[in-house]
Amino acid sequence: MLYQDILQALNRARVSYLVAGGFAVVLRGSDRTTHDLDIMVRMDERNLVRLVRVLGALGFRPKVPVRIEDFVEAKNRERWQREKGMLVFGLTSERDPRITVDVMLDTPFDFEHAHRRREVVRTHEFCVPLVGIADLIRMKREAGREQDVYDIGFLESLLKLNRRRKKKK
């Protein structure tokens, strides 16, 4: 299984999601590597049921000892954040444990606003919705890891390039 299989399955099931994290940086052309797929999802029950069905059917299981279906319940997500300090719901592929998906338990900003500001890239004959560059920079600043500093520099250079292109038009 490849990450493109996951993204295509999410699209087919009409899951409302945005790719974030390192994967969103890579899909914008960075030469960095990443080993997980970070996604933000619309947190309504219907969307979460679709997400859980897709990932479960693809053979993903939670890294923690809970059922994948437990993610749908807001009270569970809130408890995991409060009691365990969890930021993401980590899932690992039964078929290939190197493939992981991290679903954000809470979005750092309003999903609907972020969804309107998203960027869509076309790859492997399908479209991938990405967190917008400005939102991604904000997320990376808040995370503050060493890799994030590199990513922020890359993303800021893309913003400058995009602004120059718009001025020329």
C-alpha atoms as a PDB file:
ATOM      1  CA  MET A   1       0.000   0.000   0.000  1.00  0.00           C
ATOM      2  CA  LEU A   2       1.131   3.501  -0.815  1.00  0.00           C
ATOM      3  CA  TYR A   3       0.048   6.842   0.597  1.00  0.00           C
ATOM      4  CA  GLN A   4      -1.627   7.585  -2.725  1.00  0.00           C
ATOM      5  CA  ASP A   5      -3.913   4.585  -2.101  1.00  0.00           C
ATOM      6  CA  ILE A   6      -5.020   6.139   1.198  1.00  0.00           C
ATOM      7  CA  LEU A   7      -5.659   9.542  -0.376  1.00  0.00           C
ATOM      8  CA  GLN A   8      -7.567   8.045  -3.290  1.00  0.00           C
ATOM      9  CA  ALA A   9      -9.717   5.996  -0.904  1.00  0.00           C
ATOM     10  CA  LEU A  10     -10.497   9.103   1.189  1.00  0.00           C
ATOM     11  CA  ASN A  11     -11.478  10.952  -1.981  1.00  0.00           C
ATOM     12  CA  ARG A  12     -13.684   8.107  -3.249  1.00  0.00           C
ATOM     13  CA  ALA A  13     -15.489   8.005   0.122  1.00  0.00           C
ATOM     14  CA  ARG A  14     -15.924  11.790   0.006  1.00  0.00           C
ATOM     15  CA  VAL A  15     -14.165  12.323   3.323  1.00  0.00           C
ATOM     16  CA  SER A  16     -13.661  16.027   3.972  1.00  0.00           C
ATOM     17  CA  TYR A  17      -9.971  16.304   4.913  1.00  0.00           C
ATOM     18  CA  LEU A  18      -6.821  18.345   4.430  1.00  0.00           C
ATOM     19  CA  VAL A  19      -3.281  17.029   4.253  1.00  0.00           C
ATOM     20  CA  ALA A  20      -1.014  18.800   6.740  1.00  0.00           C
ATOM     21  CA  GLY A  21       2.459  18.301   8.179  1.00  0.00           C
ATOM     22  CA  GLY A  22       5.483  17.108   6.274  1.00  0.00           C
ATOM     23  CA  PHE A  23       3.433  15.458   3.566  1.00  0.00           C
ATOM     24  CA  ALA A  24       1.895  18.836   2.656  1.00  0.00           C
ATOM     25  CA  VAL A  25       5.417  20.274   2.433  1.00  0.00           C
ATOM     26  CA  VAL A  26       6.631  17.412   0.230  1.00  0.00           C
ATOM     27  CA  LEU A  27       3.656  17.744  -2.128  1.00  0.00           C
ATOM     28  CA  ARG A  28       4.659  21.380  -2.623  1.00  0.00           C
ATOM     29  CA  GLY A  29       8.074  20.333  -3.892  1.00  0.00           C
ATOM     30  CA  SER A  30      10.342  20.094  -0.858  1.00  0.00           C
ATOM     31  CA  ASP A  31      13.104  17.517  -0.990  1.00  0.00           C
ATOM     32  CA  ARG A  32      12.511  16.476   2.624  1.00  0.00           C
ATOM     33  CA  THR A  33      11.177  13.061   3.567  1.00  0.00           C
ATOM     34  CA  THR A  34       8.363  12.131   5.887  1.00  0.00           C
ATOM     35  CA  HIS A  35       7.139   8.857   7.275  1.00  0.00           C
ATOM     36  CA  ASP A  36       3.553   9.646   8.164  1.00  0.00           C
ATOM     37  CA  LEU A  37       0.493  11.221   6.661  1.00  0.00           C
ATOM     38  CA  ASP A  38      -0.936  13.992   8.856  1.00  0.00           C
ATOM     39  CA  ILE A  39      -4.525  14.935   8.155  1.00  0.00           C
ATOM     40  CA  MET A  40      -7.097  17.341   9.523  1.00  0.00           C
ATOM     41  CA  VAL A  41     -10.702  16.273   9.085  1.00  0.00           C
ATOM     42  CA  ARG A  42     -14.076  17.906   9.403  1.00  0.00           C
ATOM     43  CA  MET A  43     -15.220  16.725  12.826  1.00  0.00           C
ATOM     44  CA  ASP A  44     -18.863  16.017  12.089  1.00  0.00           C
ATOM     45  CA  GLU A  45     -20.101  12.506  12.778  1.00  0.00           C
ATOM     46  CA  ARG A  46     -20.940  11.554   9.173  1.00  0.00           C
ATOM     47  CA  ASN A  47     -17.491  12.584   7.968  1.00  0.00           C
ATOM     48  CA  LEU A  48     -15.762  10.765  10.833  1.00  0.00           C
ATOM     49  CA  VAL A  49     -17.747   7.585  10.178  1.00  0.00           C
ATOM     50  CA  ARG A  50     -16.607   7.680   6.530  1.00  0.00           C
ATOM     51  CA  LEU A  51     -13.001   8.288   7.610  1.00  0.00           C
ATOM     52  CA  VAL A  52     -13.017   5.391  10.073  1.00  0.00           C
ATOM     53  CA  ARG A  53     -14.622   3.026   7.554  1.00  0.00           C
ATOM     54  CA  VAL A  54     -12.045   3.873   4.890  1.00  0.00           C
ATOM     55  CA  LEU A  55      -9.021   3.563   7.140  1.00  0.00           C
ATOM     56  CA  GLY A  56     -10.368   0.426   8.814  1.00  0.00           C
ATOM     57  CA  ALA A  57     -11.032  -1.209   5.426  1.00  0.00           C
ATOM     58  CA  LEU A  58      -7.459  -0.367   4.394  1.00  0.00           C
ATOM     59  CA  GLY A  59      -6.195  -2.255   7.434  1.00  0.00           C
ATOM     60  CA  PHE A  60      -5.301   0.640   9.719  1.00  0.00           C
ATOM     61  CA  ARG A  61      -5.445   0.102  13.454  1.00  0.00           C
ATOM     62  CA  PRO A  62      -4.903   2.581  16.301  1.00  0.00           C
ATOM     63  CA  LYS A  63      -1.465   2.716  17.902  1.00  0.00           C
ATOM     64  CA  VAL A  64      -3.174   2.909  21.292  1.00  0.00           C
ATOM     65  CA  PRO A  65      -5.410   0.155  22.723  1.00  0.00           C
ATOM     66  CA  VAL A  66      -8.784   1.455  21.542  1.00  0.00           C
ATOM     67  CA  ARG A  67     -11.086   0.564  18.687  1.00  0.00           C
ATOM     68  CA  ILE A  68     -10.780   2.658  15.528  1.00  0.00           C
ATOM     69  CA  GLU A  69     -14.523   3.393  15.790  1.00  0.00           C
ATOM     70  CA  ASP A  70     -13.914   5.116  19.151  1.00  0.00           C
ATOM     71  CA  PHE A  71     -12.499   8.094  17.238  1.00  0.00           C
ATOM     72  CA  VAL A  72     -15.979   9.080  16.048  1.00  0.00           C
ATOM     73  CA  GLU A  73     -17.146  10.012  19.578  1.00  0.00           C
ATOM     74  CA  ALA A  74     -16.234  13.581  20.601  1.00  0.00           C
ATOM     75  CA  LYS A  75     -16.141  12.590  24.289  1.00  0.00           C
ATOM     76  CA  ASN A  76     -13.411  10.031  23.546  1.00  0.00           C
ATOM     77  CA  ARG A  77     -11.280  12.554  21.641  1.00  0.00           C
ATOM     78  CA  GLU A  78     -11.711  15.112  24.415  1.00  0.00           C
ATOM     79  CA  ARG A  79     -10.765  12.535  27.086  1.00  0.00           C
ATOM     80  CA  TRP A  80      -7.683  11.419  25.155  1.00  0.00           C
ATOM     81  CA  GLN A  81      -6.543  15.027  24.878  1.00  0.00           C
ATOM     82  CA  ARG A  82      -7.237  15.820  28.517  1.00  0.00           C
ATOM     83  CA  GLU A  83      -6.008  12.598  30.174  1.00  0.00           C
ATOM     84  CA  LYS A  84      -3.302  11.445  27.765  1.00  0.00           C
ATOM     85  CA  GLY A  85      -2.193  14.723  26.212  1.00  0.00           C
ATOM     86  CA  MET A  86      -2.820  13.250  22.757  1.00  0.00           C
ATOM     87  CA  LEU A  87      -2.649  15.611  19.799  1.00  0.00           C
ATOM     88  CA  VAL A  88      -3.234  13.041  17.057  1.00  0.00           C
ATOM     89  CA  PHE A  89      -4.979   9.716  16.659  1.00  0.00           C
ATOM     90  CA  GLY A  90      -2.144   7.577  15.334  1.00  0.00           C
ATOM     91  CA  LEU A  91      -2.943   4.674  13.043  1.00  0.00           C
ATOM     92  CA  THR A  92      -0.610   2.022  11.658  1.00  0.00           C
ATOM     93  CA  SER A  93      -1.147  -0.205   8.652  1.00  0.00           C
ATOM     94  CA  GLU A  94      -1.460  -3.896   9.479  1.00  0.00           C
ATOM     95  CA  ARG A  95      -0.083  -4.647   6.018  1.00  0.00           C
ATOM     96  CA  ASP A  96       2.976  -2.405   6.316  1.00  0.00           C
ATOM     97  CA  PRO A  97       3.752  -0.978   9.790  1.00  0.00           C
ATOM     98  CA  ARG A  98       5.996   1.666   8.208  1.00  0.00           C
ATOM     99  CA  ILE A  99       2.874   3.375   6.857  1.00  0.00           C
ATOM    100  CA  THR A 100       1.171   5.547   9.439  1.00  0.00           C
ATOM    101  CA  VAL A 101      -1.638   8.087   9.437  1.00  0.00           C
ATOM    102  CA  ASP A 102      -1.992  10.725  12.145  1.00  0.00           C
ATOM    103  CA  VAL A 103      -5.454  12.272  12.356  1.00  0.00           C
ATOM    104  CA  MET A 104      -5.511  15.498  14.352  1.00  0.00           C
ATOM    105  CA  LEU A 105      -7.772  15.229  17.380  1.00  0.00           C
ATOM    106  CA  ASP A 106      -8.512  18.908  17.217  1.00  0.00           C
ATOM    107  CA  THR A 107      -7.811  21.394  14.492  1.00  0.00           C
ATOM    108  CA  PRO A 108      -5.547  24.306  15.475  1.00  0.00           C
ATOM    109  CA  PHE A 109      -7.978  26.631  13.652  1.00  0.00           C
ATOM    110  CA  ASP A 110     -11.463  26.447  12.240  1.00  0.00           C
ATOM    111  CA  PHE A 111     -11.632  23.625   9.697  1.00  0.00           C
ATOM    112  CA  GLU A 112     -14.178  25.389   7.493  1.00  0.00           C
ATOM    113  CA  HIS A 113     -11.967  28.467   7.163  1.00  0.00           C
ATOM    114  CA  ALA A 114      -8.926  26.299   6.500  1.00  0.00           C
ATOM    115  CA  HIS A 115     -10.884  24.296   3.926  1.00  0.00           C
ATOM    116  CA  ARG A 116     -11.787  27.490   2.053  1.00  0.00           C
ATOM    117  CA  ARG A 117      -8.095  28.501   2.035  1.00  0.00           C
ATOM    118  CA  ARG A 118      -6.874  25.065   0.980  1.00  0.00           C
ATOM    119  CA  GLU A 119      -4.702  24.421  -2.035  1.00  0.00           C
ATOM    120  CA  VAL A 120      -5.334  21.450  -4.251  1.00  0.00           C
ATOM    121  CA  VAL A 121      -2.535  19.639  -6.029  1.00  0.00           C
ATOM    122  CA  ARG A 122      -3.018  17.060  -8.735  1.00  0.00           C
ATOM    123  CA  THR A 123      -0.827  14.011  -8.446  1.00  0.00           C
ATOM    124  CA  HIS A 124      -1.093  10.450  -9.741  1.00  0.00           C
ATOM    125  CA  GLU A 125      -4.344  11.238 -11.556  1.00  0.00           C
ATOM    126  CA  PHE A 126      -6.189  12.506  -8.485  1.00  0.00           C
ATOM    127  CA  CYS A 127      -6.437  15.675  -6.412  1.00  0.00           C
ATOM    128  CA  VAL A 128      -5.081  16.191  -2.915  1.00  0.00           C
ATOM    129  CA  PRO A 129      -6.410  18.993  -0.688  1.00  0.00           C
ATOM    130  CA  LEU A 130      -3.612  20.626   1.306  1.00  0.00           C
ATOM    131  CA  VAL A 131      -3.692  22.986   4.254  1.00  0.00           C
ATOM    132  CA  GLY A 132      -2.949  26.448   2.826  1.00  0.00           C
ATOM    133  CA  ILE A 133       0.636  27.680   3.071  1.00  0.00           C
ATOM    134  CA  ALA A 134      -0.092  30.429   5.617  1.00  0.00           C
ATOM    135  CA  ASP A 135      -2.016  27.992   7.837  1.00  0.00           C
ATOM    136  CA  LEU A 136       0.712  25.389   7.499  1.00  0.00           C
ATOM    137  CA  ILE A 137       3.371  27.919   8.505  1.00  0.00           C
ATOM    138  CA  ARG A 138       1.290  28.780  11.558  1.00  0.00           C
ATOM    139  CA  MET A 139       0.987  25.092  12.491  1.00  0.00           C
ATOM    140  CA  LYS A 140       4.717  24.572  12.044  1.00  0.00           C
ATOM    141  CA  ARG A 141       5.544  27.625  14.193  1.00  0.00           C
ATOM    142  CA  GLU A 142       3.336  26.306  16.976  1.00  0.00           C
ATOM    143  CA  ALA A 143       4.955  22.851  16.801  1.00  0.00           C
ATOM    144  CA  GLY A 144       8.452  24.366  16.876  1.00  0.00           C
ATOM    145  CA  ARG A 145      10.467  21.242  16.080  1.00  0.00           C
ATOM    146  CA  GLU A 146      13.823  21.358  14.302  1.00  0.00           C
ATOM    147  CA  GLN A 147      12.370  20.067  11.024  1.00  0.00           C
ATOM    148  CA  ASP A 148       9.624  22.694  11.238  1.00  0.00           C
ATOM    149  CA  VAL A 149      12.209  25.496  11.040  1.00  0.00           C
ATOM    150  CA  TYR A 150      13.420  24.132   7.689  1.00  0.00           C
ATOM    151  CA  ASP A 151       9.825  23.657   6.502  1.00  0.00           C
ATOM    152  CA  ILE A 152       8.878  27.222   7.462  1.00  0.00           C
ATOM    153  CA  GLY A 153      11.798  28.594   5.441  1.00  0.00           C
ATOM    154  CA  PHE A 154      10.736  26.541   2.428  1.00  0.00           C
ATOM    155  CA  LEU A 155       7.079  27.559   2.773  1.00  0.00           C
ATOM    156  CA  GLU A 156       7.909  31.252   3.226  1.00  0.00           C
ATOM    157  CA  SER A 157       9.961  31.157   0.038  1.00  0.00           C
ATOM    158  CA  LEU A 158       6.922  29.686  -1.758  1.00  0.00           C
ATOM    159  CA  LEU A 159       4.728  32.491  -0.419  1.00  0.00           C
ATOM    160  CA  LYS A 160       7.185  35.105  -1.730  1.00  0.00           C
ATOM    161  CA  LEU A 161       7.346  33.390  -5.107  1.00  0.00           C
ATOM    162  CA  ASN A 162       3.536  33.263  -5.304  1.00  0.00           C
ATOM    163  CA  ARG A 163       3.289  36.971  -4.457  1.00  0.00           C
ATOM    164  CA  ARG A 164       5.809  37.866  -7.191  1.00  0.00           C
ATOM    165  CA  ARG A 165       3.867  35.797  -9.707  1.00  0.00           C
ATOM    166  CA  LYS A 166       0.615  37.551  -8.805  1.00  0.00           C
ATOM    167  CA  LYS A 167       2.239  40.977  -9.197  1.00  0.00           C
ATOM    168  CA  LYS A 168       3.422  40.093 -12.704  1.00  0.00           C
ATOM    169  CA  LYS A 169      -0.115  39.193 -13.831  1.00  0.00           C
END
